[in-house]
Structures are given as C-alpha cells and as structure tokens.
Amino acid sequence: MLKISHLTKKYGEKVAVNDLSLEIKPGEIYGFIGHNGAGKTTTIKSVVGILGFEEGTIEIDGQSIKTNPIECKKKIAYIPDNPDLFDYMSGIKYLNFIADVFSVSAEDRQIRIRKYADAFELTSDLAQPISSYSHGMKQKLAIIAAWIHNPKLIIMDEPFVGLDPKASHLLKEMMRELCNEGGAIFFSTHVLEVAEKLCDKVAIIKNGSLIKSGTMSEVKGDSSLENVFLELEEEKNPEA
C-alpha cells in the first residue's frame, strides 16, 4: 500500500531523513515513533506530497507520489499534527467541500457524515463556524473529513493529541475497521502505550535514520515498547 525506498530529505546541509525504507501493507496499522525532531513529520509530509525530496522513491498503491501525485492523493487521507482547517467555514460546509474534492456522492457523504459526526458527538456543532471549535473539535472534524471518501491509506501525524478518552477509543476502532476492510494506516505518535496495543508493526527513527522496525513482537520482544525505545535512545547516546 505504501512503499518508501531509500528516502533522503535535506534542508540545506541538514539531513532530516537519511536513506529511510519502510513498507506498509494492506491490513496493517503501522506506528512511526521517535523523539522530537527525529524526522517523523518530514517523512510524513514527503509521503503525502507536501515536501519534495532529494533521493529515493515513495509509492502509494504502486504509483509514485512524484510522477503521479493526483492519482496517489485520490487514495489517501492525511491528518496533520495541528489541523489547519478553513475557519470561516462551518463544519458541515467543510465536510461537504472535502466530499466534493473527492467526488463522494450525495448519498454516501450523508451516510458517512451522520455516522461519524454522531459517533464523535459533533452533529449539533456542524452548523457552527470552525473558528468557534476547540482543538479537540477540530481534530474530530479532521478525522471525519479523512474518512469521508473511504481512502485506502490514512496517514496521521500525532492523531490522538487533543482527543478525549472516548474519542481516542473511537478513533482506534475506526483505524482497525479500515484495516480489516483492506486499508492501511501509517501514523506517528509519542504515546507508546497506544502504539504497543494498537499497531501491527512499528518503526523507530532517530536523527533521520531508521534504527529498528518490524512486527510489534519483533521490536519489543519480552519488554515493553517504552523500554525498547529508551534503550535504543541510550545506545545511540552513550554519553547521555
């Protein structure tokens, strides 16, 4: 579903992502973890076509994000770490705008908006301007917008930040449901307990380089994901 091969991204002389290779297959929830500044967001923005990159390839469902960006973007949804929505729109106008972009039929959008807005307890607020929404409400709206066109791949940067426990639980259920239907999820998180319980596979990145990846059992063994992450950090920083 998503294949990253030898991705390198630089900002001037600084190497933000260094020769990164990952593959996310249909049916997988894939966690992407690392400290602040490790290269997670840069990788994600490269995957969704926001950032260009110097070396390597990124393929979504067999197509290159560089050479076929429109076709790739039809198949994905992206939720950034801080959703910048159109504040002057109402929630319902924003959802209809996204549905229009992805050519979702009137019947399908109505069913999906009702289903997810009710689940997130946002229905009564959809007529209000997004500018009046709290961060958590904006996050919920962004999640509904991501699911509205039934994408094959959903890419999220810290999706649980700002969500209340009930909304977090619902999002986890939605992620698993999408993957059970043959989709895939690639998301970054600092909440290692969530990653450990939710993810089929995980990758740990540090200073732009992949330091460990695989199934959750392969990565953590008999330990916890948090302990493995901290041990790997110490190994890379012996003087710390």
Protein backbone atom coordinates (compact mmCIF):
# COMPACT_ATOMS: atom_id res chain seq x y z
CA MET A 1 0.00 0.00 0.00
CA LEU A 2 2.85 2.37 0.91
CA LYS A 3 6.46 1.73 -0.03
CA ILE A 4 9.21 4.14 0.99
CA SER A 5 12.56 3.26 -0.59
CA HIS A 6 15.83 4.96 0.38
CA LEU A 7 14.14 8.28 1.14
CA THR A 8 16.54 11.16 1.80
CA LYS A 9 15.32 14.68 2.56
CA LYS A 10 17.62 17.62 3.29
CA TYR A 11 17.13 21.20 4.45
CA GLY A 12 20.25 22.86 3.10
CA GLU A 13 23.15 20.93 4.63
CA LYS A 14 20.97 19.34 7.32
CA VAL A 15 19.85 15.79 6.59
CA ALA A 16 16.35 15.47 8.04
CA VAL A 17 15.67 11.95 6.74
CA ASN A 18 18.53 9.66 5.80
CA ASP A 19 18.09 6.65 3.47
CA LEU A 20 14.79 5.55 5.02
CA SER A 21 13.00 2.45 3.72
CA LEU A 22 9.63 1.18 5.03
CA GLU A 23 6.73 -0.80 3.61
CA ILE A 24 3.17 -0.68 4.90
CA LYS A 25 0.95 -3.44 3.54
CA PRO A 26 -2.86 -3.64 3.27
CA GLY A 27 -4.45 -4.51 6.59
CA GLU A 28 -1.62 -3.07 8.69
CA ILE A 29 -1.62 -0.37 11.34
CA TYR A 30 1.97 0.87 11.26
CA GLY A 31 3.33 3.09 14.04
CA PHE A 32 6.15 5.55 13.49
CA ILE A 33 7.91 6.71 16.65
CA GLY A 34 10.86 8.87 17.60
CA HIS A 35 11.87 11.88 19.63
CA ASN A 36 11.01 15.45 18.62
CA GLY A 37 13.00 16.38 15.53
CA ALA A 38 13.70 12.75 14.60
CA GLY A 39 12.27 13.18 11.09
CA LYS A 40 8.75 11.78 11.52
CA THR A 41 6.81 14.79 10.26
CA THR A 42 9.27 15.37 7.41
CA THR A 43 8.79 11.76 6.32
CA ILE A 44 5.02 12.02 6.52
CA LYS A 45 4.92 15.29 4.57
CA SER A 46 7.12 13.71 1.89
CA VAL A 47 4.78 10.73 1.68
CA VAL A 48 1.68 12.87 1.13
CA GLY A 49 3.35 15.11 -1.44
CA ILE A 50 3.73 18.30 0.60
CA LEU A 51 7.52 18.18 0.61
CA GLY A 52 9.84 17.26 -2.22
CA PHE A 53 12.84 15.06 -1.53
CA GLU A 54 16.34 14.63 -2.93
CA GLU A 55 16.72 10.86 -3.17
CA GLY A 56 14.61 7.72 -3.09
CA THR A 57 11.08 6.84 -4.10
CA ILE A 58 7.67 6.81 -2.44
CA GLU A 59 4.92 4.66 -3.94
CA ILE A 60 1.26 4.56 -2.92
CA ASP A 61 -0.60 1.53 -4.21
CA GLY A 62 2.14 1.05 -6.80
CA GLN A 63 2.21 4.65 -8.07
CA SER A 64 4.89 7.29 -7.47
CA ILE A 65 3.96 10.35 -5.42
CA LYS A 66 6.41 12.30 -7.58
CA THR A 67 5.20 11.29 -11.04
CA ASN A 68 1.51 10.59 -10.27
CA PRO A 69 0.67 12.88 -7.33
CA ILE A 70 -3.02 13.33 -8.17
CA GLU A 71 -3.69 9.60 -8.52
CA CYS A 72 -1.85 8.94 -5.28
CA LYS A 73 -3.73 11.64 -3.38
CA LYS A 74 -7.08 10.22 -4.50
CA LYS A 75 -6.29 7.10 -2.50
CA ILE A 76 -5.07 8.67 0.72
CA ALA A 77 -6.18 10.90 3.56
CA TYR A 78 -3.81 12.98 5.67
CA ILE A 79 -4.32 14.38 9.14
CA PRO A 80 -1.50 16.74 10.24
CA ASP A 81 -0.45 17.18 13.85
CA ASN A 82 -2.24 20.53 14.03
CA PRO A 83 -5.15 20.58 11.58
CA ASP A 84 -5.36 23.92 9.79
CA LEU A 85 -8.96 23.95 8.64
CA PHE A 86 -10.88 26.71 6.90
CA ASP A 87 -12.04 28.60 10.00
CA TYR A 88 -14.51 30.76 8.08
CA MET A 89 -16.49 27.66 7.04
CA SER A 90 -19.00 25.84 9.15
CA GLY A 91 -18.21 22.24 10.00
CA ILE A 92 -20.80 20.87 7.58
CA LYS A 93 -19.64 23.11 4.72
CA TYR A 94 -16.07 21.93 5.27
CA LEU A 95 -17.10 18.27 5.17
CA ASN A 96 -19.12 18.85 2.01
CA PHE A 97 -16.15 20.67 0.48
CA ILE A 98 -13.88 17.68 1.15
CA ALA A 99 -16.55 15.32 -0.18
CA ASP A 100 -16.75 17.43 -3.36
CA VAL A 101 -12.97 17.30 -3.81
CA PHE A 102 -13.05 13.50 -3.70
CA SER A 103 -16.29 13.18 -5.73
CA VAL A 104 -18.23 11.48 -2.95
CA SER A 105 -21.89 11.02 -3.89
CA ALA A 106 -24.59 12.91 -2.02
CA GLU A 107 -25.96 9.67 -0.57
CA ASP A 108 -22.57 8.33 0.60
CA ARG A 109 -21.48 11.59 2.18
CA GLN A 110 -24.75 11.96 4.04
CA ILE A 111 -24.43 8.45 5.48
CA ARG A 112 -20.79 8.88 6.50
CA ILE A 113 -21.19 12.38 7.95
CA ARG A 114 -24.15 11.26 10.04
CA LYS A 115 -22.35 8.10 11.19
CA TYR A 116 -19.10 9.74 12.27
CA ALA A 117 -20.48 13.07 13.49
CA ASP A 118 -22.94 11.23 15.73
CA ALA A 119 -20.18 8.92 16.99
CA PHE A 120 -17.91 11.86 17.84
CA GLU A 121 -20.85 13.83 19.30
CA LEU A 122 -20.21 16.65 16.84
CA THR A 123 -23.52 16.69 14.96
CA SER A 124 -25.01 19.61 16.89
CA ASP A 125 -21.90 21.71 16.22
CA LEU A 126 -21.63 21.20 12.46
CA ALA A 127 -23.62 24.34 11.70
CA GLN A 128 -21.19 26.47 13.73
CA PRO A 129 -18.09 28.15 12.23
CA ILE A 130 -14.90 26.16 12.67
CA SER A 131 -13.36 29.26 14.25
CA SER A 132 -15.55 28.57 17.31
CA TYR A 133 -14.29 24.99 17.67
CA SER A 134 -11.86 23.83 20.35
CA HIS A 135 -8.69 22.00 19.32
CA GLY A 136 -10.33 18.68 20.11
CA MET A 137 -13.39 19.50 18.00
CA LYS A 138 -11.16 20.49 15.08
CA GLN A 139 -9.32 17.20 15.44
CA LYS A 140 -12.60 15.29 15.34
CA LEU A 141 -13.70 17.22 12.23
CA ALA A 142 -10.38 16.45 10.53
CA ILE A 143 -10.83 12.75 11.31
CA ILE A 144 -14.35 12.72 9.84
CA ALA A 145 -13.05 14.53 6.74
CA ALA A 146 -10.28 11.94 6.37
CA TRP A 147 -12.71 9.02 6.46
CA ILE A 148 -15.37 10.64 4.27
CA HIS A 149 -14.04 9.36 0.92
CA ASN A 150 -13.22 5.85 2.16
CA PRO A 151 -9.46 6.09 1.43
CA LYS A 152 -7.19 3.09 1.03
CA LEU A 153 -4.43 4.63 3.13
CA ILE A 154 -4.71 7.08 6.02
CA ILE A 155 -1.61 8.92 7.18
CA MET A 156 -1.74 10.73 10.52
CA ASP A 157 0.74 12.80 12.49
CA GLU A 158 0.06 12.54 16.26
CA PRO A 159 -3.68 11.89 15.76
CA PHE A 160 -4.52 11.36 19.44
CA VAL A 161 -3.32 14.76 20.65
CA GLY A 162 -6.29 16.79 21.89
CA LEU A 163 -8.79 13.94 21.81
CA ASP A 164 -10.74 12.98 24.92
CA PRO A 165 -10.63 9.29 26.01
CA LYS A 166 -13.94 8.44 24.32
CA ALA A 167 -12.87 9.99 21.01
CA SER A 168 -9.47 8.26 21.24
CA HIS A 169 -11.18 4.91 21.73
CA LEU A 170 -13.46 5.56 18.76
CA LEU A 171 -10.53 6.51 16.53
CA LYS A 172 -8.74 3.28 17.42
CA GLU A 173 -11.86 1.32 16.46
CA MET A 174 -12.12 3.20 13.16
CA MET A 175 -8.46 2.51 12.39
CA ARG A 176 -8.86 -1.21 12.97
CA GLU A 177 -12.10 -1.34 10.99
CA LEU A 178 -10.46 0.34 7.99
CA CYS A 179 -7.57 -2.13 8.09
CA ASN A 180 -9.90 -5.11 8.47
CA GLU A 181 -11.50 -3.96 5.21
CA GLY A 182 -8.13 -3.99 3.41
CA GLY A 183 -6.95 -0.43 4.05
CA ALA A 184 -3.79 0.63 5.85
CA ILE A 185 -2.77 3.17 8.49
CA PHE A 186 0.59 4.90 8.91
CA PHE A 187 0.79 7.22 11.89
CA SER A 188 3.28 8.87 14.20
CA THR A 189 2.78 9.05 17.93
CA HIS A 190 4.55 9.85 21.17
CA VAL A 191 2.05 7.74 23.11
CA LEU A 192 3.99 4.48 23.20
CA GLU A 193 1.33 2.59 25.19
CA VAL A 194 -1.16 3.28 22.39
CA ALA A 195 1.30 2.18 19.72
CA GLU A 196 2.10 -1.03 21.60
CA LYS A 197 -1.54 -2.05 21.94
CA LEU A 198 -2.76 -0.86 18.55
CA CYS A 199 -0.02 -1.38 15.97
CA ASP A 200 0.76 -4.47 13.93
CA LYS A 201 4.18 -3.08 13.06
CA VAL A 202 6.34 -0.23 14.28
CA ALA A 203 9.40 1.72 13.15
CA ILE A 204 11.70 3.73 15.40
CA ILE A 205 13.55 6.66 13.85
CA LYS A 206 16.33 8.78 15.33
CA ASN A 207 18.10 11.76 13.75
CA GLY A 208 16.51 10.90 10.42
CA SER A 209 17.68 7.28 10.35
CA LEU A 210 15.74 4.09 10.94
CA ILE A 211 17.13 2.25 13.96
CA LYS A 212 14.60 -0.58 14.34
CA SER A 213 11.45 -1.84 12.62
CA GLY A 214 9.27 -4.92 12.34
CA THR A 215 6.25 -6.51 13.92
CA MET A 216 5.47 -5.37 17.44
CA SER A 217 6.70 -8.67 18.88
CA GLU A 218 9.93 -8.48 16.86
CA VAL A 219 10.66 -4.96 18.03
CA LYS A 220 9.80 -5.25 21.71
CA GLY A 221 10.32 -8.94 22.44
CA ASP A 222 9.53 -9.64 26.09
CA SER A 223 9.99 -6.00 27.08
CA SER A 224 7.70 -3.01 26.62
CA LEU A 225 7.88 -0.69 23.64
CA GLU A 226 8.74 2.17 26.00
CA ASN A 227 11.71 0.27 27.45
CA VAL A 228 12.96 -0.71 24.00
CA PHE A 229 12.68 2.88 22.80
CA LEU A 230 14.58 4.25 25.80
CA GLU A 231 17.28 1.59 25.49
CA LEU A 232 17.79 2.39 21.81
CA GLU A 233 17.99 6.09 22.64
CA GLU A 234 20.69 5.37 25.22
CA GLU A 235 22.62 3.15 22.82
CA LYS A 236 22.74 5.97 20.30
CA ASN A 237 23.66 8.47 23.01
CA PRO A 238 26.22 6.61 25.22
CA GLU A 239 27.34 9.83 26.92
CA ALA A 240 23.83 10.97 27.80
